[in-house]
PDB file of N, CA and C in Angstrom:
ATOM      1  N   UNK A   1     110.638  99.065  77.700  1.00  0.00           N
ATOM      2  CA  UNK A   1     110.222  98.164  76.650  1.00  0.00           C
ATOM      3  C   UNK A   1     108.710  98.250  76.445  1.00  0.00           C
ATOM      4  N   UNK A   2     107.960  98.353  77.529  1.00  0.00           N
ATOM      5  CA  UNK A   2     106.507  98.433  77.430  1.00  0.00           C
ATOM      6  C   UNK A   2     106.082  99.713  76.723  1.00  0.00           C
ATOM      7  N   UNK A   3     106.733 100.816  77.052  1.00  0.00           N
ATOM      8  CA  UNK A   3     106.412 102.097  76.408  1.00  0.00           C
ATOM      9  C   UNK A   3     106.682 101.993  74.903  1.00  0.00           C
ATOM     10  N   UNK A   4     107.810 101.386  74.545  1.00  0.00           N
ATOM     11  CA  UNK A   4     108.152 101.242  73.123  1.00  0.00           C
ATOM     12  C   UNK A   4     107.097 100.416  72.389  1.00  0.00           C
ATOM     13  N   UNK A   5     106.664  99.316  72.985  1.00  0.00           N
ATOM     14  CA  UNK A   5     105.637  98.480  72.355  1.00  0.00           C
ATOM     15  C   UNK A   5     104.308  99.228  72.237  1.00  0.00           C
ATOM     16  N   UNK A   6     103.961  99.994  73.272  1.00  0.00           N
ATOM     17  CA  UNK A   6     102.718 100.768  73.235  1.00  0.00           C
ATOM     18  C   UNK A   6     102.786 101.841  72.148  1.00  0.00           C
ATOM     19  N   UNK A   7     103.953 102.473  71.990  1.00  0.00           N
ATOM     20  CA  UNK A   7     104.119 103.493  70.966  1.00  0.00           C
ATOM     21  C   UNK A   7     104.005 102.883  69.569  1.00  0.00           C
ATOM     22  N   UNK A   8     104.605 101.717  69.376  1.00  0.00           N
ATOM     23  CA  UNK A   8     104.494 101.047  68.080  1.00  0.00           C
ATOM     24  C   UNK A   8     103.039 100.692  67.774  1.00  0.00           C
ATOM     25  N   UNK A   9     102.323 100.232  68.780  1.00  0.00           N
ATOM     26  CA  UNK A   9     100.899  99.906  68.613  1.00  0.00           C
ATOM     27  C   UNK A   9     100.104 101.176  68.293  1.00  0.00           C
ATOM     28  N   UNK A  10     100.431 102.271  68.979  1.00  0.00           N
ATOM     29  CA  UNK A  10      99.783 103.563  68.710  1.00  0.00           C
ATOM     30  C   UNK A  10      99.987 103.957  67.245  1.00  0.00           C
ATOM     31  N   UNK A  11     101.221 103.817  66.746  1.00  0.00           N
ATOM     32  CA  UNK A  11     101.519 104.175  65.353  1.00  0.00           C
ATOM     33  C   UNK A  11     100.729 103.300  64.382  1.00  0.00           C
ATOM     34  N   UNK A  12     100.616 102.012  64.685  1.00  0.00           N
ATOM     35  CA  UNK A  12      99.840 101.110  63.817  1.00  0.00           C
ATOM     36  C   UNK A  12      98.378 101.536  63.764  1.00  0.00           C
ATOM     37  N   UNK A  13      97.818 101.807  64.937  1.00  0.00           N
ATOM     38  CA  UNK A  13      96.406 102.192  65.018  1.00  0.00           C
ATOM     39  C   UNK A  13      96.169 103.553  64.360  1.00  0.00           C
ATOM     40  N   UNK A  14      97.078 104.483  64.576  1.00  0.00           N
ATOM     41  CA  UNK A  14      96.937 105.805  63.970  1.00  0.00           C
ATOM     42  C   UNK A  14      96.988 105.707  62.452  1.00  0.00           C
ATOM     43  N   UNK A  15      97.905 104.898  61.928  1.00  0.00           N
ATOM     44  CA  UNK A  15      98.013 104.710  60.486  1.00  0.00           C
ATOM     45  C   UNK A  15      96.750 104.040  59.931  1.00  0.00           C
ATOM     46  N   UNK A  16      96.227 103.073  60.683  1.00  0.00           N
ATOM     47  CA  UNK A  16      95.017 102.370  60.250  1.00  0.00           C
ATOM     48  C   UNK A  16      93.829 103.332  60.139  1.00  0.00           C
ATOM     49  N   UNK A  17      93.799 104.343  61.026  1.00  0.00           N
ATOM     50  CA  UNK A  17      92.690 105.294  61.046  1.00  0.00           C
ATOM     51  C   UNK A  17      92.951 106.517  60.176  1.00  0.00           C
ATOM     52  N   UNK A  18      94.043 106.469  59.398  1.00  0.00           N
ATOM     53  CA  UNK A  18      94.289 107.519  58.418  1.00  0.00           C
ATOM     54  C   UNK A  18      95.052 108.732  58.918  1.00  0.00           C
ATOM     55  N   UNK A  19      95.661 108.659  60.084  1.00  0.00           N
ATOM     56  CA  UNK A  19      96.451 109.776  60.590  1.00  0.00           C
ATOM     57  C   UNK A  19      97.723 109.893  59.760  1.00  0.00           C
ATOM     58  N   UNK A  20      98.025 111.110  59.334  1.00  0.00           N
ATOM     59  CA  UNK A  20      99.242 111.340  58.545  1.00  0.00           C
ATOM     60  C   UNK A  20     100.466 111.101  59.423  1.00  0.00           C
ATOM     61  N   UNK A  21     101.524 110.535  58.831  1.00  0.00           N
ATOM     62  CA  UNK A  21     102.733 110.241  59.603  1.00  0.00           C
ATOM     63  C   UNK A  21     103.304 111.479  60.273  1.00  0.00           C
ATOM     64  N   UNK A  22     103.153 112.632  59.633  1.00  0.00           N
ATOM     65  CA  UNK A  22     103.691 113.862  60.228  1.00  0.00           C
ATOM     66  C   UNK A  22     102.933 114.259  61.500  1.00  0.00           C
ATOM     67  N   UNK A  23     101.733 113.710  61.689  1.00  0.00           N
ATOM     68  CA  UNK A  23     100.921 114.024  62.864  1.00  0.00           C
ATOM     69  C   UNK A  23     101.079 113.014  63.998  1.00  0.00           C
ATOM     70  N   UNK A  24     101.878 111.974  63.785  1.00  0.00           N
ATOM     71  CA  UNK A  24     102.116 110.995  64.845  1.00  0.00           C
ATOM     72  C   UNK A  24     102.843 111.670  66.012  1.00  0.00           C
ATOM     73  N   UNK A  25     102.526 111.242  67.206  1.00  0.00           N
ATOM     74  CA  UNK A  25     103.245 111.713  68.388  1.00  0.00           C
ATOM     75  C   UNK A  25     104.637 111.085  68.374  1.00  0.00           C
ATOM     76  N   UNK A  26     105.646 111.898  68.605  1.00  0.00           N
ATOM     77  CA  UNK A  26     107.017 111.393  68.648  1.00  0.00           C
ATOM     78  C   UNK A  26     107.196 110.490  69.863  1.00  0.00           C
ATOM     79  N   UNK A  27     108.143 109.573  69.768  1.00  0.00           N
ATOM     80  CA  UNK A  27     108.361 108.583  70.825  1.00  0.00           C
ATOM     81  C   UNK A  27     108.618 109.239  72.184  1.00  0.00           C
ATOM     82  N   UNK A  28     109.492 110.246  72.231  1.00  0.00           N
ATOM     83  CA  UNK A  28     109.815 110.890  73.504  1.00  0.00           C
ATOM     84  C   UNK A  28     108.572 111.546  74.115  1.00  0.00           C
ATOM     85  N   UNK A  29     107.798 112.244  73.298  1.00  0.00           N
ATOM     86  CA  UNK A  29     106.568 112.880  73.783  1.00  0.00           C
ATOM     87  C   UNK A  29     105.561 111.838  74.270  1.00  0.00           C
ATOM     88  N   UNK A  30     105.478 110.723  73.562  1.00  0.00           N
ATOM     89  CA  UNK A  30     104.587 109.639  73.968  1.00  0.00           C
ATOM     90  C   UNK A  30     105.007 109.090  75.335  1.00  0.00           C
ATOM     91  N   UNK A  31     106.302 108.873  75.509  1.00  0.00           N
ATOM     92  CA  UNK A  31     106.812 108.364  76.782  1.00  0.00           C
ATOM     93  C   UNK A  31     106.567 109.317  77.932  1.00  0.00           C
ATOM     94  N   UNK A  32     106.806 110.611  77.706  1.00  0.00           N
ATOM     95  CA  UNK A  32     106.580 111.616  78.750  1.00  0.00           C
ATOM     96  C   UNK A  32     105.098 111.678  79.102  1.00  0.00           C
ATOM     97  N   UNK A  33     104.251 111.700  78.093  1.00  0.00           N
ATOM     98  CA  UNK A  33     102.809 111.760  78.324  1.00  0.00           C
ATOM     99  C   UNK A  33     102.306 110.540  79.097  1.00  0.00           C
ATOM    100  N   UNK A  34     102.789 109.378  78.724  1.00  0.00           N
ATOM    101  CA  UNK A  34     102.413 108.139  79.406  1.00  0.00           C
ATOM    102  C   UNK A  34     102.874 108.164  80.861  1.00  0.00           C
ATOM    103  N   UNK A  35     104.089 108.615  81.083  1.00  0.00           N
ATOM    104  CA  UNK A  35     104.634 108.688  82.448  1.00  0.00           C
ATOM    105  C   UNK A  35     103.846 109.660  83.308  1.00  0.00           C
ATOM    106  N   UNK A  36     103.500 110.812  82.742  1.00  0.00           N
ATOM    107  CA  UNK A  36     102.720 111.795  83.493  1.00  0.00           C
ATOM    108  C   UNK A  36     101.344 111.252  83.860  1.00  0.00           C
ATOM    109  N   UNK A  37     100.719 110.546  82.930  1.00  0.00           N
ATOM    110  CA  UNK A  37      99.403 109.960  83.213  1.00  0.00           C
ATOM    111  C   UNK A  37      99.497 108.916  84.318  1.00  0.00           C
ATOM    112  N   UNK A  38     100.549 108.106  84.289  1.00  0.00           N
ATOM    113  CA  UNK A  38     100.739 107.083  85.318  1.00  0.00           C
ATOM    114  C   UNK A  38     100.960 107.728  86.685  1.00  0.00           C
ATOM    115  N   UNK A  39     101.824 108.733  86.740  1.00  0.00           N
ATOM    116  CA  UNK A  39     102.105 109.417  88.007  1.00  0.00           C
ATOM    117  C   UNK A  39     100.839 110.061  88.561  1.00  0.00           C
ATOM    118  N   UNK A  40     100.062 110.694  87.697  1.00  0.00           N
ATOM    119  CA  UNK A  40      98.816 111.329  88.140  1.00  0.00           C
ATOM    120  C   UNK A  40      97.840 110.290  88.694  1.00  0.00           C
ATOM    121  N   UNK A  41      97.738 109.144  88.032  1.00  0.00           N
ATOM    122  CA  UNK A  41      96.820 108.093  88.484  1.00  0.00           C
ATOM    123  C   UNK A  41      97.263 107.521  89.824  1.00  0.00           C
ATOM    124  N   UNK A  42      98.560 107.297  89.985  1.00  0.00           N
ATOM    125  CA  UNK A  42      99.075 106.754  91.241  1.00  0.00           C
ATOM    126  C   UNK A  42      98.904 107.770  92.361  1.00  0.00           C
ATOM    127  N   UNK A  43      99.176 109.032  92.076  1.00  0.00           N
ATOM    128  CA  UNK A  43      99.027 110.086  93.089  1.00  0.00           C
ATOM    129  C   UNK A  43      97.578 110.206  93.535  1.00  0.00           C
ATOM    130  N   UNK A  44      96.652 110.134  92.584  1.00  0.00           N
ATOM    131  CA  UNK A  44      95.234 110.211  92.913  1.00  0.00           C
ATOM    132  C   UNK A  44      94.811 109.016  93.752  1.00  0.00           C
ATOM    133  N   UNK A  45      95.306 107.840  93.417  1.00  0.00           N
ATOM    134  CA  UNK A  45      94.973 106.631  94.166  1.00  0.00           C
ATOM    135  C   UNK A  45      95.496 106.729  95.599  1.00  0.00           C
ATOM    136  N   UNK A  46      96.718 107.217  95.758  1.00  0.00           N
ATOM    137  CA  UNK A  46      97.291 107.367  97.099  1.00  0.00           C
ATOM    138  C   UNK A  46      96.518 108.390  97.914  1.00  0.00           C
ATOM    139  N   UNK A  47      96.084 109.475  97.275  1.00  0.00           N
ATOM    140  CA  UNK A  47      95.299 110.504  97.955  1.00  0.00           C
ATOM    141  C   UNK A  47      93.969 109.922  98.419  1.00  0.00           C
ATOM    142  N   UNK A  48      93.330 109.144  97.556  1.00  0.00           N
ATOM    143  CA  UNK A  48      92.056 108.522  97.916  1.00  0.00           C
ATOM    144  C   UNK A  48      92.231 107.571  99.102  1.00  0.00           C
ATOM    145  N   UNK A  49      93.304 106.783  99.092  1.00  0.00           N
ATOM    146  CA  UNK A  49      93.555 105.856 100.189  1.00  0.00           C
ATOM    147  C   UNK A  49      93.826 106.600 101.485  1.00  0.00           C
ATOM    148  N   UNK A  50      94.603 107.676 101.421  1.00  0.00           N
ATOM    149  CA  UNK A  50      94.927 108.475 102.602  1.00  0.00           C
ATOM    150  C   UNK A  50      93.671 109.122 103.153  1.00  0.00           C
ATOM    151  N   UNK A  51      92.848 109.695 102.271  1.00  0.00           N
ATOM    152  CA  UNK A  51      91.603 110.329 102.700  1.00  0.00           C
ATOM    153  C   UNK A  51      90.666 109.317 103.337  1.00  0.00           C
ATOM    154  N   UNK A  52      90.563 108.133 102.765  1.00  0.00           N
ATOM    155  CA  UNK A  52      89.682 107.102 103.300  1.00  0.00           C
ATOM    156  C   UNK A  52      90.157 106.636 104.674  1.00  0.00           C
ATOM    157  N   UNK A  53      91.455 106.444 104.827  1.00  0.00           N
ATOM    158  CA  UNK A  53      92.006 106.000 106.108  1.00  0.00           C
ATOM    159  C   UNK A  53      91.809 107.070 107.167  1.00  0.00           C
ATOM    160  N   UNK A  54      92.015 108.322 106.799  1.00  0.00           N
ATOM    161  CA  UNK A  54      91.846 109.417 107.753  1.00  0.00           C
ATOM    162  C   UNK A  54      90.384 109.549 108.156  1.00  0.00           C
ATOM    163  N   UNK A  55      89.474 109.415 107.206  1.00  0.00           N
ATOM    164  CA  UNK A  55      88.047 109.518 107.510  1.00  0.00           C
ATOM    165  C   UNK A  55      87.616 108.373 108.416  1.00  0.00           C
ATOM    166  N   UNK A  56      88.074 107.164 108.143  1.00  0.00           N
ATOM    167  CA  UNK A  56      87.720 106.017 108.975  1.00  0.00           C
ATOM    168  C   UNK A  56      88.269 106.190 110.379  1.00  0.00           C
ATOM    169  N   UNK A  57      89.470 106.707 110.477  1.00  0.00           N
ATOM    170  CA  UNK A  57      90.093 106.919 111.774  1.00  0.00           C
ATOM    171  C   UNK A  57      89.330 107.983 112.558  1.00  0.00           C
ATOM    172  N   UNK A  58      88.974 109.071 111.886  1.00  0.00           N
ATOM    173  CA  UNK A  58      88.268 110.158 112.545  1.00  0.00           C
ATOM    174  C   UNK A  58      86.908 109.690 113.034  1.00  0.00           C
ATOM    175  N   UNK A  59      86.224 108.926 112.215  1.00  0.00           N
ATOM    176  CA  UNK A  59      84.877 108.467 112.588  1.00  0.00           C
ATOM    177  C   UNK A  59      84.910 107.464 113.740  1.00  0.00           C
ATOM    178  N   UNK A  60      85.990 106.716 113.859  1.00  0.00           N
ATOM    179  CA  UNK A  60      86.024 105.691 114.887  1.00  0.00           C
ATOM    180  C   UNK A  60      86.611 106.198 116.200  1.00  0.00           C
ATOM    181  N   UNK A  61      87.130 107.433 116.201  1.00  0.00           N
ATOM    182  CA  UNK A  61      87.744 107.976 117.415  1.00  0.00           C
ATOM    183  C   UNK A  61      86.883 109.089 117.986  1.00  0.00           C
ATOM    184  N   UNK A  62      86.826 109.126 119.305  1.00  0.00           N
ATOM    185  CA  UNK A  62      86.000 110.160 119.929  1.00  0.00           C
ATOM    186  C   UNK A  62      86.829 111.233 120.632  1.00  0.00           C
ATOM    187  N   UNK A  63      88.093 110.981 120.875  1.00  0.00           N
ATOM    188  CA  UNK A  63      88.922 111.979 121.549  1.00  0.00           C
ATOM    189  C   UNK A  63      90.127 112.341 120.699  1.00  0.00           C
ATOM    190  N   UNK A  64      90.731 113.485 120.976  1.00  0.00           N
ATOM    191  CA  UNK A  64      91.893 113.930 120.209  1.00  0.00           C
ATOM    192  C   UNK A  64      93.080 112.986 120.421  1.00  0.00           C
ATOM    193  N   UNK A  65      93.184 112.374 121.597  1.00  0.00           N
ATOM    194  CA  UNK A  65      94.277 111.437 121.856  1.00  0.00           C
ATOM    195  C   UNK A  65      94.163 110.224 120.944  1.00  0.00           C
ATOM    196  N   UNK A  66      92.954 109.738 120.767  1.00  0.00           N
ATOM    197  CA  UNK A  66      92.737 108.608 119.864  1.00  0.00           C
ATOM    198  C   UNK A  66      93.008 109.010 118.424  1.00  0.00           C
ATOM    199  N   UNK A  67      92.671 110.257 118.034  1.00  0.00           N
ATOM    200  CA  UNK A  67      92.925 110.733 116.685  1.00  0.00           C
ATOM    201  C   UNK A  67      94.432 110.761 116.404  1.00  0.00           C
ATOM    202  N   UNK A  68      95.214 111.176 117.383  1.00  0.00           N
ATOM    203  CA  UNK A  68      96.654 111.230 117.197  1.00  0.00           C
ATOM    204  C   UNK A  68      97.215 109.836 116.964  1.00  0.00           C
ATOM    205  N   UNK A  69      96.625 108.843 117.544  1.00  0.00           N
ATOM    206  CA  UNK A  69      97.067 107.478 117.346  1.00  0.00           C
ATOM    207  C   UNK A  69      96.812 106.986 115.924  1.00  0.00           C
ATOM    208  N   UNK A  70      95.867 107.599 115.232  1.00  0.00           N
ATOM    209  CA  UNK A  70      95.536 107.191 113.872  1.00  0.00           C
ATOM    210  C   UNK A  70      96.535 107.725 112.849  1.00  0.00           C
ATOM    211  N   UNK A  71      97.181 108.802 113.172  1.00  0.00           N
ATOM    212  CA  UNK A  71      98.082 109.453 112.199  1.00  0.00           C
ATOM    213  C   UNK A  71      99.377 108.725 112.061  1.00  0.00           C
TER     214      UNK A  71
END
């Protein structure tokens, strides 16, 4: 439902700015593009969190045994 509302808003804004109807992004393409952007953002956020946790763990541990406990 959210994707549908966002697509309708996109069409309104595109029409307001003079985009020809034939140049509008189709609903399915809009949904796929939105989903890909969301997945990429979530994946990047998870990577950042994992990297930060690993760096904090590495910095706070002095032996390999302690490092294994962080994983």
